[in-house]
Amino acid sequence: MINQASDTKQKKILQLLNLLTELYKLIISDIPLEQLPLDVTVSQLRVLLALHTGGASRMRELAITVGVVPSTATGIIDALVKKGLVLREHDISDRRQVICRLSPKGDKLTGMLWTWGETRIKKQLVTLTQSQLSNMLEAVESVRNNILKEKEL
């Protein structure tokens, strides 16, 4: 009986992961491309959004956040600096450390994208019942709390 329950739980986890991936793809495919600079790549967009949500970041931390090696992050940042979307600064306490932050132009772009995404998701959330919203909120809070506990270890 335990194996069957475990198998059912694993299947639900896979279904949820697949649905979240599909949801991400559906939303990302609707990004208003006409409002993006034509030469911004998906990798660059991920870095911009990471800086938008996390604030200024050291190069190594940024690479980890977006899931690339530091040399790849450096290349992405170089391109974003040339486009005027990111500023690169040296840490005053350790000149070897590079800190990246959004430029005003980058902040405006990511702010627009973030607002667009929130509006898109809110439009779907209002269609849910109170019970569905409560269940979803409880589940997402539990996942967040578990991640925060892991980070404390």
N, C-alpha and C. Protein backbone atom coordinates (compact mmCIF):
# COMPACT_ATOMS: atom_id res chain seq x y z
N MET A 1 0.82 -1.20 0.00
CA MET A 1 0.00 0.00 0.00
C MET A 1 0.86 1.27 0.00
N ILE A 2 2.01 1.20 0.73
CA ILE A 2 2.90 2.36 0.81
C ILE A 2 3.51 2.65 -0.56
N ASN A 3 3.91 1.60 -1.29
CA ASN A 3 4.48 1.78 -2.62
C ASN A 3 3.48 2.42 -3.57
N GLN A 4 2.23 2.00 -3.50
CA GLN A 4 1.20 2.56 -4.37
C GLN A 4 0.99 4.05 -4.05
N ALA A 5 0.96 4.39 -2.78
CA ALA A 5 0.81 5.79 -2.38
C ALA A 5 2.02 6.61 -2.84
N SER A 6 3.20 6.02 -2.71
CA SER A 6 4.43 6.69 -3.13
C SER A 6 4.45 6.88 -4.65
N ASP A 7 4.02 5.87 -5.39
CA ASP A 7 3.94 5.97 -6.85
C ASP A 7 2.94 7.04 -7.26
N THR A 8 1.80 7.09 -6.60
CA THR A 8 0.77 8.09 -6.90
C THR A 8 1.32 9.49 -6.62
N LYS A 9 2.02 9.64 -5.50
CA LYS A 9 2.60 10.95 -5.16
C LYS A 9 3.64 11.36 -6.22
N GLN A 10 4.49 10.43 -6.62
CA GLN A 10 5.50 10.73 -7.65
C GLN A 10 4.85 11.13 -8.97
N LYS A 11 3.78 10.45 -9.33
CA LYS A 11 3.06 10.79 -10.57
C LYS A 11 2.48 12.19 -10.48
N LYS A 12 1.93 12.54 -9.31
CA LYS A 12 1.36 13.88 -9.13
C LYS A 12 2.46 14.95 -9.19
N ILE A 13 3.60 14.65 -8.62
CA ILE A 13 4.72 15.59 -8.67
C ILE A 13 5.16 15.81 -10.12
N LEU A 14 5.28 14.73 -10.89
CA LEU A 14 5.66 14.86 -12.30
C LEU A 14 4.60 15.62 -13.09
N GLN A 15 3.33 15.35 -12.82
CA GLN A 15 2.25 16.08 -13.49
C GLN A 15 2.34 17.57 -13.19
N LEU A 16 2.57 17.89 -11.91
CA LEU A 16 2.67 19.28 -11.51
C LEU A 16 3.87 19.96 -12.18
N LEU A 17 5.02 19.30 -12.18
CA LEU A 17 6.20 19.86 -12.84
C LEU A 17 5.94 20.09 -14.33
N ASN A 18 5.30 19.13 -14.97
CA ASN A 18 4.97 19.28 -16.39
C ASN A 18 4.00 20.44 -16.62
N LEU A 19 3.01 20.57 -15.75
CA LEU A 19 2.06 21.69 -15.88
C LEU A 19 2.74 23.03 -15.65
N LEU A 20 3.64 23.10 -14.66
CA LEU A 20 4.35 24.35 -14.42
C LEU A 20 5.23 24.73 -15.60
N THR A 21 5.88 23.74 -16.19
CA THR A 21 6.71 23.98 -17.38
C THR A 21 5.83 24.47 -18.54
N GLU A 22 4.70 23.82 -18.73
CA GLU A 22 3.78 24.22 -19.79
C GLU A 22 3.25 25.63 -19.55
N LEU A 23 2.90 25.92 -18.29
CA LEU A 23 2.41 27.25 -17.94
C LEU A 23 3.46 28.31 -18.25
N TYR A 24 4.71 28.03 -17.86
CA TYR A 24 5.81 28.95 -18.14
C TYR A 24 5.94 29.18 -19.65
N LYS A 25 5.90 28.11 -20.42
CA LYS A 25 6.04 28.23 -21.88
C LYS A 25 4.88 29.02 -22.48
N LEU A 26 3.67 28.80 -21.97
CA LEU A 26 2.51 29.54 -22.49
C LEU A 26 2.63 31.03 -22.20
N ILE A 27 3.06 31.35 -20.99
CA ILE A 27 3.18 32.76 -20.62
C ILE A 27 4.33 33.41 -21.37
N ILE A 28 5.48 32.74 -21.41
CA ILE A 28 6.65 33.31 -22.06
C ILE A 28 6.42 33.51 -23.56
N SER A 29 5.60 32.65 -24.16
CA SER A 29 5.33 32.77 -25.59
C SER A 29 4.45 33.98 -25.90
N ASP A 30 3.81 34.52 -24.88
CA ASP A 30 2.93 35.68 -25.07
C ASP A 30 3.62 37.02 -24.77
N ILE A 31 4.90 36.98 -24.42
CA ILE A 31 5.60 38.23 -24.11
C ILE A 31 5.46 39.18 -25.29
N PRO A 32 5.09 40.41 -25.01
CA PRO A 32 4.92 41.38 -26.09
C PRO A 32 6.26 41.75 -26.73
N LEU A 33 6.67 40.96 -27.71
CA LEU A 33 7.99 41.12 -28.32
C LEU A 33 8.19 42.50 -28.94
N GLU A 34 7.10 43.14 -29.34
CA GLU A 34 7.22 44.47 -29.94
C GLU A 34 7.76 45.48 -28.94
N GLN A 35 7.69 45.16 -27.64
CA GLN A 35 8.19 46.06 -26.61
C GLN A 35 9.61 45.71 -26.17
N LEU A 36 10.15 44.62 -26.70
CA LEU A 36 11.52 44.22 -26.38
C LEU A 36 12.48 44.73 -27.44
N PRO A 37 13.69 45.10 -27.00
CA PRO A 37 14.70 45.38 -28.02
C PRO A 37 14.90 44.12 -28.87
N LEU A 38 15.01 44.28 -30.16
CA LEU A 38 15.08 43.13 -31.07
C LEU A 38 16.27 42.23 -30.79
N ASP A 39 17.32 42.77 -30.22
CA ASP A 39 18.53 41.98 -30.06
C ASP A 39 18.71 41.40 -28.65
N VAL A 40 17.64 41.33 -27.84
CA VAL A 40 17.72 40.71 -26.51
C VAL A 40 17.42 39.23 -26.65
N THR A 41 18.37 38.40 -26.22
CA THR A 41 18.19 36.95 -26.31
C THR A 41 17.44 36.45 -25.07
N VAL A 42 17.01 35.20 -25.11
CA VAL A 42 16.31 34.60 -23.98
C VAL A 42 17.23 34.55 -22.76
N SER A 43 18.49 34.20 -22.96
CA SER A 43 19.45 34.16 -21.84
C SER A 43 19.63 35.55 -21.23
N GLN A 44 19.69 36.56 -22.08
CA GLN A 44 19.82 37.92 -21.57
C GLN A 44 18.57 38.33 -20.81
N LEU A 45 17.42 37.92 -21.30
CA LEU A 45 16.16 38.23 -20.63
C LEU A 45 16.11 37.58 -19.25
N ARG A 46 16.60 36.34 -19.15
CA ARG A 46 16.64 35.66 -17.85
C ARG A 46 17.52 36.42 -16.87
N VAL A 47 18.66 36.91 -17.33
CA VAL A 47 19.55 37.68 -16.47
C VAL A 47 18.88 38.98 -16.04
N LEU A 48 18.25 39.66 -16.98
CA LEU A 48 17.56 40.91 -16.65
C LEU A 48 16.49 40.68 -15.59
N LEU A 49 15.70 39.62 -15.75
CA LEU A 49 14.64 39.34 -14.78
C LEU A 49 15.22 38.91 -13.43
N ALA A 50 16.35 38.21 -13.45
CA ALA A 50 17.01 37.84 -12.19
C ALA A 50 17.48 39.10 -11.45
N LEU A 51 18.02 40.05 -12.17
CA LEU A 51 18.44 41.31 -11.55
C LEU A 51 17.24 42.11 -11.08
N HIS A 52 16.15 42.04 -11.82
CA HIS A 52 14.93 42.75 -11.43
C HIS A 52 14.37 42.20 -10.12
N THR A 53 14.32 40.89 -10.00
CA THR A 53 13.72 40.28 -8.81
C THR A 53 14.69 40.22 -7.64
N GLY A 54 15.98 40.09 -7.91
CA GLY A 54 16.95 39.92 -6.83
C GLY A 54 17.79 41.14 -6.52
N GLY A 55 17.71 42.15 -7.35
CA GLY A 55 18.52 43.33 -7.14
C GLY A 55 19.96 43.12 -7.59
N ALA A 56 20.80 44.08 -7.26
CA ALA A 56 22.22 44.01 -7.64
C ALA A 56 22.81 42.71 -7.15
N SER A 57 23.70 42.15 -7.96
CA SER A 57 24.24 40.83 -7.64
C SER A 57 25.68 40.71 -8.12
N ARG A 58 26.47 39.95 -7.37
CA ARG A 58 27.82 39.62 -7.82
C ARG A 58 27.71 38.67 -9.00
N MET A 59 28.69 38.70 -9.86
CA MET A 59 28.67 37.90 -11.08
C MET A 59 28.48 36.41 -10.78
N ARG A 60 29.19 35.90 -9.80
CA ARG A 60 29.10 34.47 -9.47
C ARG A 60 27.69 34.10 -9.00
N GLU A 61 27.11 34.94 -8.14
CA GLU A 61 25.75 34.68 -7.64
C GLU A 61 24.74 34.73 -8.79
N LEU A 62 24.95 35.66 -9.69
CA LEU A 62 24.05 35.80 -10.84
C LEU A 62 24.12 34.56 -11.72
N ALA A 63 25.32 34.06 -11.94
CA ALA A 63 25.51 32.85 -12.75
C ALA A 63 24.76 31.68 -12.13
N ILE A 64 24.86 31.54 -10.82
CA ILE A 64 24.16 30.45 -10.13
C ILE A 64 22.65 30.63 -10.25
N THR A 65 22.19 31.84 -10.08
CA THR A 65 20.74 32.12 -10.15
C THR A 65 20.15 31.74 -11.49
N VAL A 66 20.85 32.06 -12.58
CA VAL A 66 20.30 31.78 -13.91
C VAL A 66 20.75 30.44 -14.47
N GLY A 67 21.61 29.73 -13.72
CA GLY A 67 22.00 28.37 -14.10
C GLY A 67 23.01 28.28 -15.22
N VAL A 68 23.99 29.19 -15.20
CA VAL A 68 25.07 29.15 -16.20
C VAL A 68 26.41 29.22 -15.47
N VAL A 69 27.47 28.89 -16.17
CA VAL A 69 28.80 29.02 -15.59
C VAL A 69 29.19 30.50 -15.60
N PRO A 70 30.09 30.90 -14.68
CA PRO A 70 30.45 32.32 -14.59
C PRO A 70 30.94 32.93 -15.89
N SER A 71 31.68 32.18 -16.70
CA SER A 71 32.17 32.76 -17.96
C SER A 71 31.02 33.07 -18.92
N THR A 72 29.99 32.24 -18.90
CA THR A 72 28.80 32.50 -19.73
C THR A 72 28.07 33.73 -19.21
N ALA A 73 27.94 33.83 -17.89
CA ALA A 73 27.28 35.00 -17.29
C ALA A 73 28.04 36.27 -17.66
N THR A 74 29.36 36.20 -17.66
CA THR A 74 30.17 37.37 -18.02
C THR A 74 29.88 37.81 -19.45
N GLY A 75 29.78 36.86 -20.37
CA GLY A 75 29.47 37.19 -21.76
C GLY A 75 28.08 37.81 -21.90
N ILE A 76 27.13 37.28 -21.17
CA ILE A 76 25.76 37.82 -21.21
C ILE A 76 25.76 39.25 -20.67
N ILE A 77 26.44 39.44 -19.54
CA ILE A 77 26.50 40.78 -18.93
C ILE A 77 27.21 41.75 -19.86
N ASP A 78 28.30 41.32 -20.50
CA ASP A 78 29.00 42.19 -21.46
C ASP A 78 28.04 42.72 -22.51
N ALA A 79 27.23 41.81 -23.07
CA ALA A 79 26.28 42.21 -24.11
C ALA A 79 25.23 43.17 -23.55
N LEU A 80 24.75 42.91 -22.34
CA LEU A 80 23.72 43.77 -21.74
C LEU A 80 24.28 45.15 -21.38
N VAL A 81 25.54 45.20 -21.00
CA VAL A 81 26.19 46.49 -20.72
C VAL A 81 26.27 47.30 -22.02
N LYS A 82 26.67 46.64 -23.11
CA LYS A 82 26.76 47.32 -24.41
C LYS A 82 25.40 47.86 -24.85
N LYS A 83 24.34 47.17 -24.49
CA LYS A 83 22.98 47.60 -24.87
C LYS A 83 22.43 48.65 -23.91
N GLY A 84 23.18 48.96 -22.87
CA GLY A 84 22.75 49.98 -21.92
C GLY A 84 21.69 49.49 -20.94
N LEU A 85 21.56 48.18 -20.78
CA LEU A 85 20.52 47.63 -19.91
C LEU A 85 21.05 47.27 -18.52
N VAL A 86 22.36 47.09 -18.39
CA VAL A 86 22.98 46.69 -17.12
C VAL A 86 24.21 47.55 -16.87
N LEU A 87 24.44 47.82 -15.59
CA LEU A 87 25.65 48.52 -15.17
C LEU A 87 26.54 47.53 -14.43
N ARG A 88 27.84 47.62 -14.67
CA ARG A 88 28.81 46.75 -14.00
C ARG A 88 29.69 47.65 -13.13
N GLU A 89 29.83 47.26 -11.85
CA GLU A 89 30.63 48.04 -10.91
C GLU A 89 31.54 47.10 -10.13
N HIS A 90 32.61 47.65 -9.59
CA HIS A 90 33.49 46.86 -8.73
C HIS A 90 33.10 47.10 -7.28
N ASP A 91 33.15 46.04 -6.49
CA ASP A 91 32.85 46.13 -5.07
C ASP A 91 33.95 46.96 -4.41
N ILE A 92 33.56 47.96 -3.65
CA ILE A 92 34.53 48.86 -3.01
C ILE A 92 35.42 48.09 -2.03
N SER A 93 34.85 47.10 -1.35
CA SER A 93 35.62 46.35 -0.35
C SER A 93 36.51 45.28 -0.97
N ASP A 94 36.21 44.89 -2.21
CA ASP A 94 37.02 43.86 -2.89
C ASP A 94 36.93 44.12 -4.39
N ARG A 95 37.92 44.80 -4.93
CA ARG A 95 37.89 45.23 -6.33
C ARG A 95 37.81 44.05 -7.30
N ARG A 96 38.12 42.84 -6.86
CA ARG A 96 38.02 41.67 -7.74
C ARG A 96 36.57 41.27 -7.99
N GLN A 97 35.70 41.67 -7.08
CA GLN A 97 34.29 41.31 -7.19
C GLN A 97 33.56 42.31 -8.09
N VAL A 98 32.81 41.77 -9.05
CA VAL A 98 32.03 42.60 -9.97
C VAL A 98 30.57 42.53 -9.54
N ILE A 99 29.96 43.68 -9.40
CA ILE A 99 28.55 43.76 -9.04
C ILE A 99 27.78 44.27 -10.25
N CYS A 100 26.71 43.57 -10.58
CA CYS A 100 25.88 43.95 -11.72
C CYS A 100 24.54 44.46 -11.20
N ARG A 101 24.04 45.49 -11.87
CA ARG A 101 22.72 46.02 -11.51
C ARG A 101 22.06 46.54 -12.78
N LEU A 102 20.75 46.64 -12.74
CA LEU A 102 20.03 47.17 -13.89
C LEU A 102 20.30 48.66 -14.04
N SER A 103 20.44 49.10 -15.27
CA SER A 103 20.51 50.52 -15.56
C SER A 103 19.07 51.05 -15.53
N PRO A 104 18.88 52.35 -15.55
CA PRO A 104 17.50 52.87 -15.62
C PRO A 104 16.73 52.31 -16.83
N LYS A 105 17.42 52.17 -17.96
CA LYS A 105 16.78 51.60 -19.15
C LYS A 105 16.40 50.14 -18.92
N GLY A 106 17.29 49.37 -18.28
CA GLY A 106 17.02 47.97 -17.98
C GLY A 106 15.90 47.82 -16.95
N ASP A 107 15.89 48.74 -15.98
CA ASP A 107 14.85 48.71 -14.96
C ASP A 107 13.48 49.00 -15.57
N LYS A 108 13.43 49.93 -16.49
CA LYS A 108 12.17 50.26 -17.16
C LYS A 108 11.66 49.06 -17.97
N LEU A 109 12.56 48.42 -18.70
CA LEU A 109 12.18 47.27 -19.52
C LEU A 109 11.69 46.11 -18.65
N THR A 110 12.44 45.75 -17.62
CA THR A 110 12.04 44.62 -16.79
C THR A 110 10.79 44.94 -15.98
N GLY A 111 10.65 46.18 -15.56
CA GLY A 111 9.43 46.59 -14.85
C GLY A 111 8.20 46.40 -15.73
N MET A 112 8.32 46.78 -16.98
CA MET A 112 7.22 46.61 -17.93
C MET A 112 6.90 45.13 -18.10
N LEU A 113 7.93 44.30 -18.26
CA LEU A 113 7.71 42.87 -18.45
C LEU A 113 7.11 42.23 -17.21
N TRP A 114 7.59 42.63 -16.04
CA TRP A 114 7.08 42.06 -14.79
C TRP A 114 5.60 42.42 -14.61
N THR A 115 5.27 43.67 -14.86
CA THR A 115 3.88 44.11 -14.74
C THR A 115 3.00 43.37 -15.74
N TRP A 116 3.50 43.19 -16.95
CA TRP A 116 2.75 42.44 -17.96
C TRP A 116 2.48 41.02 -17.47
N GLY A 117 3.52 40.35 -16.94
CA GLY A 117 3.38 38.98 -16.46
C GLY A 117 2.40 38.87 -15.31
N GLU A 118 2.48 39.80 -14.37
CA GLU A 118 1.55 39.80 -13.24
C GLU A 118 0.12 39.97 -13.72
N THR A 119 -0.09 40.88 -14.65
CA THR A 119 -1.43 41.12 -15.19
C THR A 119 -1.95 39.86 -15.87
N ARG A 120 -1.07 39.20 -16.61
CA ARG A 120 -1.45 37.96 -17.33
C ARG A 120 -1.87 36.87 -16.35
N ILE A 121 -1.12 36.71 -15.28
CA ILE A 121 -1.43 35.67 -14.30
C ILE A 121 -2.67 36.04 -13.49
N LYS A 122 -2.79 37.30 -13.08
CA LYS A 122 -3.98 37.74 -12.32
C LYS A 122 -5.26 37.45 -13.10
N LYS A 123 -5.19 37.67 -14.40
CA LYS A 123 -6.36 37.43 -15.26
C LYS A 123 -6.84 35.99 -15.13
N GLN A 124 -5.90 35.07 -14.96
CA GLN A 124 -6.26 33.65 -14.82
C GLN A 124 -6.65 33.32 -13.39
N LEU A 125 -5.99 33.92 -12.41
CA LEU A 125 -6.28 33.62 -11.01
C LEU A 125 -7.69 34.04 -10.60
N VAL A 126 -8.19 35.13 -11.18
CA VAL A 126 -9.54 35.58 -10.81
C VAL A 126 -10.61 34.59 -11.25
N THR A 127 -10.27 33.67 -12.14
CA THR A 127 -11.25 32.67 -12.59
C THR A 127 -11.38 31.51 -11.60
N LEU A 128 -10.46 31.43 -10.62
CA LEU A 128 -10.48 30.34 -9.65
C LEU A 128 -11.47 30.63 -8.53
N THR A 129 -11.96 29.57 -7.92
CA THR A 129 -12.86 29.73 -6.77
C THR A 129 -12.04 30.10 -5.55
N GLN A 130 -12.73 30.55 -4.51
CA GLN A 130 -12.07 30.89 -3.25
C GLN A 130 -11.32 29.67 -2.70
N SER A 131 -11.93 28.51 -2.80
CA SER A 131 -11.33 27.27 -2.30
C SER A 131 -10.08 26.92 -3.11
N GLN A 132 -10.15 27.05 -4.42
CA GLN A 132 -8.98 26.76 -5.26
C GLN A 132 -7.83 27.71 -4.95
N LEU A 133 -8.16 28.99 -4.77
CA LEU A 133 -7.12 29.97 -4.43
C LEU A 133 -6.49 29.65 -3.07
N SER A 134 -7.31 29.28 -2.10
CA SER A 134 -6.80 28.94 -0.77
C SER A 134 -5.87 27.74 -0.83
N ASN A 135 -6.28 26.70 -1.57
CA ASN A 135 -5.45 25.51 -1.71
C ASN A 135 -4.13 25.83 -2.41
N MET A 136 -4.22 26.63 -3.46
CA MET A 136 -3.01 27.00 -4.21
C MET A 136 -2.08 27.82 -3.33
N LEU A 137 -2.63 28.77 -2.60
CA LEU A 137 -1.84 29.62 -1.72
C LEU A 137 -1.14 28.78 -0.65
N GLU A 138 -1.87 27.87 -0.06
CA GLU A 138 -1.30 27.01 0.98
C GLU A 138 -0.16 26.15 0.41
N ALA A 139 -0.35 25.59 -0.76
CA ALA A 139 0.67 24.74 -1.37
C ALA A 139 1.92 25.55 -1.73
N VAL A 140 1.75 26.71 -2.33
CA VAL A 140 2.90 27.53 -2.73
C VAL A 140 3.65 28.03 -1.50
N GLU A 141 2.92 28.43 -0.46
CA GLU A 141 3.57 28.85 0.78
C GLU A 141 4.39 27.71 1.39
N SER A 142 3.87 26.50 1.34
CA SER A 142 4.59 25.34 1.88
C SER A 142 5.88 25.10 1.11
N VAL A 143 5.82 25.18 -0.21
CA VAL A 143 7.02 24.99 -1.03
C VAL A 143 8.04 26.08 -0.70
N ARG A 144 7.57 27.33 -0.64
CA ARG A 144 8.48 28.44 -0.30
C ARG A 144 9.12 28.23 1.07
N ASN A 145 8.33 27.86 2.06
CA ASN A 145 8.85 27.65 3.41
C ASN A 145 9.87 26.52 3.44
N ASN A 146 9.62 25.47 2.69
CA ASN A 146 10.57 24.35 2.63
C ASN A 146 11.90 24.79 2.02
N ILE A 147 11.83 25.60 0.98
CA ILE A 147 13.05 26.11 0.34
C ILE A 147 13.81 27.01 1.31
N LEU A 148 13.09 27.86 2.04
CA LEU A 148 13.74 28.73 3.02
C LEU A 148 14.41 27.92 4.13
N LYS A 149 13.77 26.85 4.58
CA LYS A 149 14.35 25.97 5.60
C LYS A 149 15.63 25.32 5.07
N GLU A 150 15.62 24.87 3.81
CA GLU A 150 16.81 24.25 3.22
C GLU A 150 17.98 25.24 3.18
N LYS A 151 17.66 26.50 2.88
CA LYS A 151 18.71 27.52 2.79
C LYS A 151 19.33 27.80 4.15
N GLU A 152 18.57 27.59 5.22
CA GLU A 152 19.08 27.83 6.58
C GLU A 152 20.07 26.76 7.01
N LEU A 153 20.00 25.57 6.40
CA LEU A 153 20.87 24.46 6.82
C LEU A 153 22.30 24.66 6.45
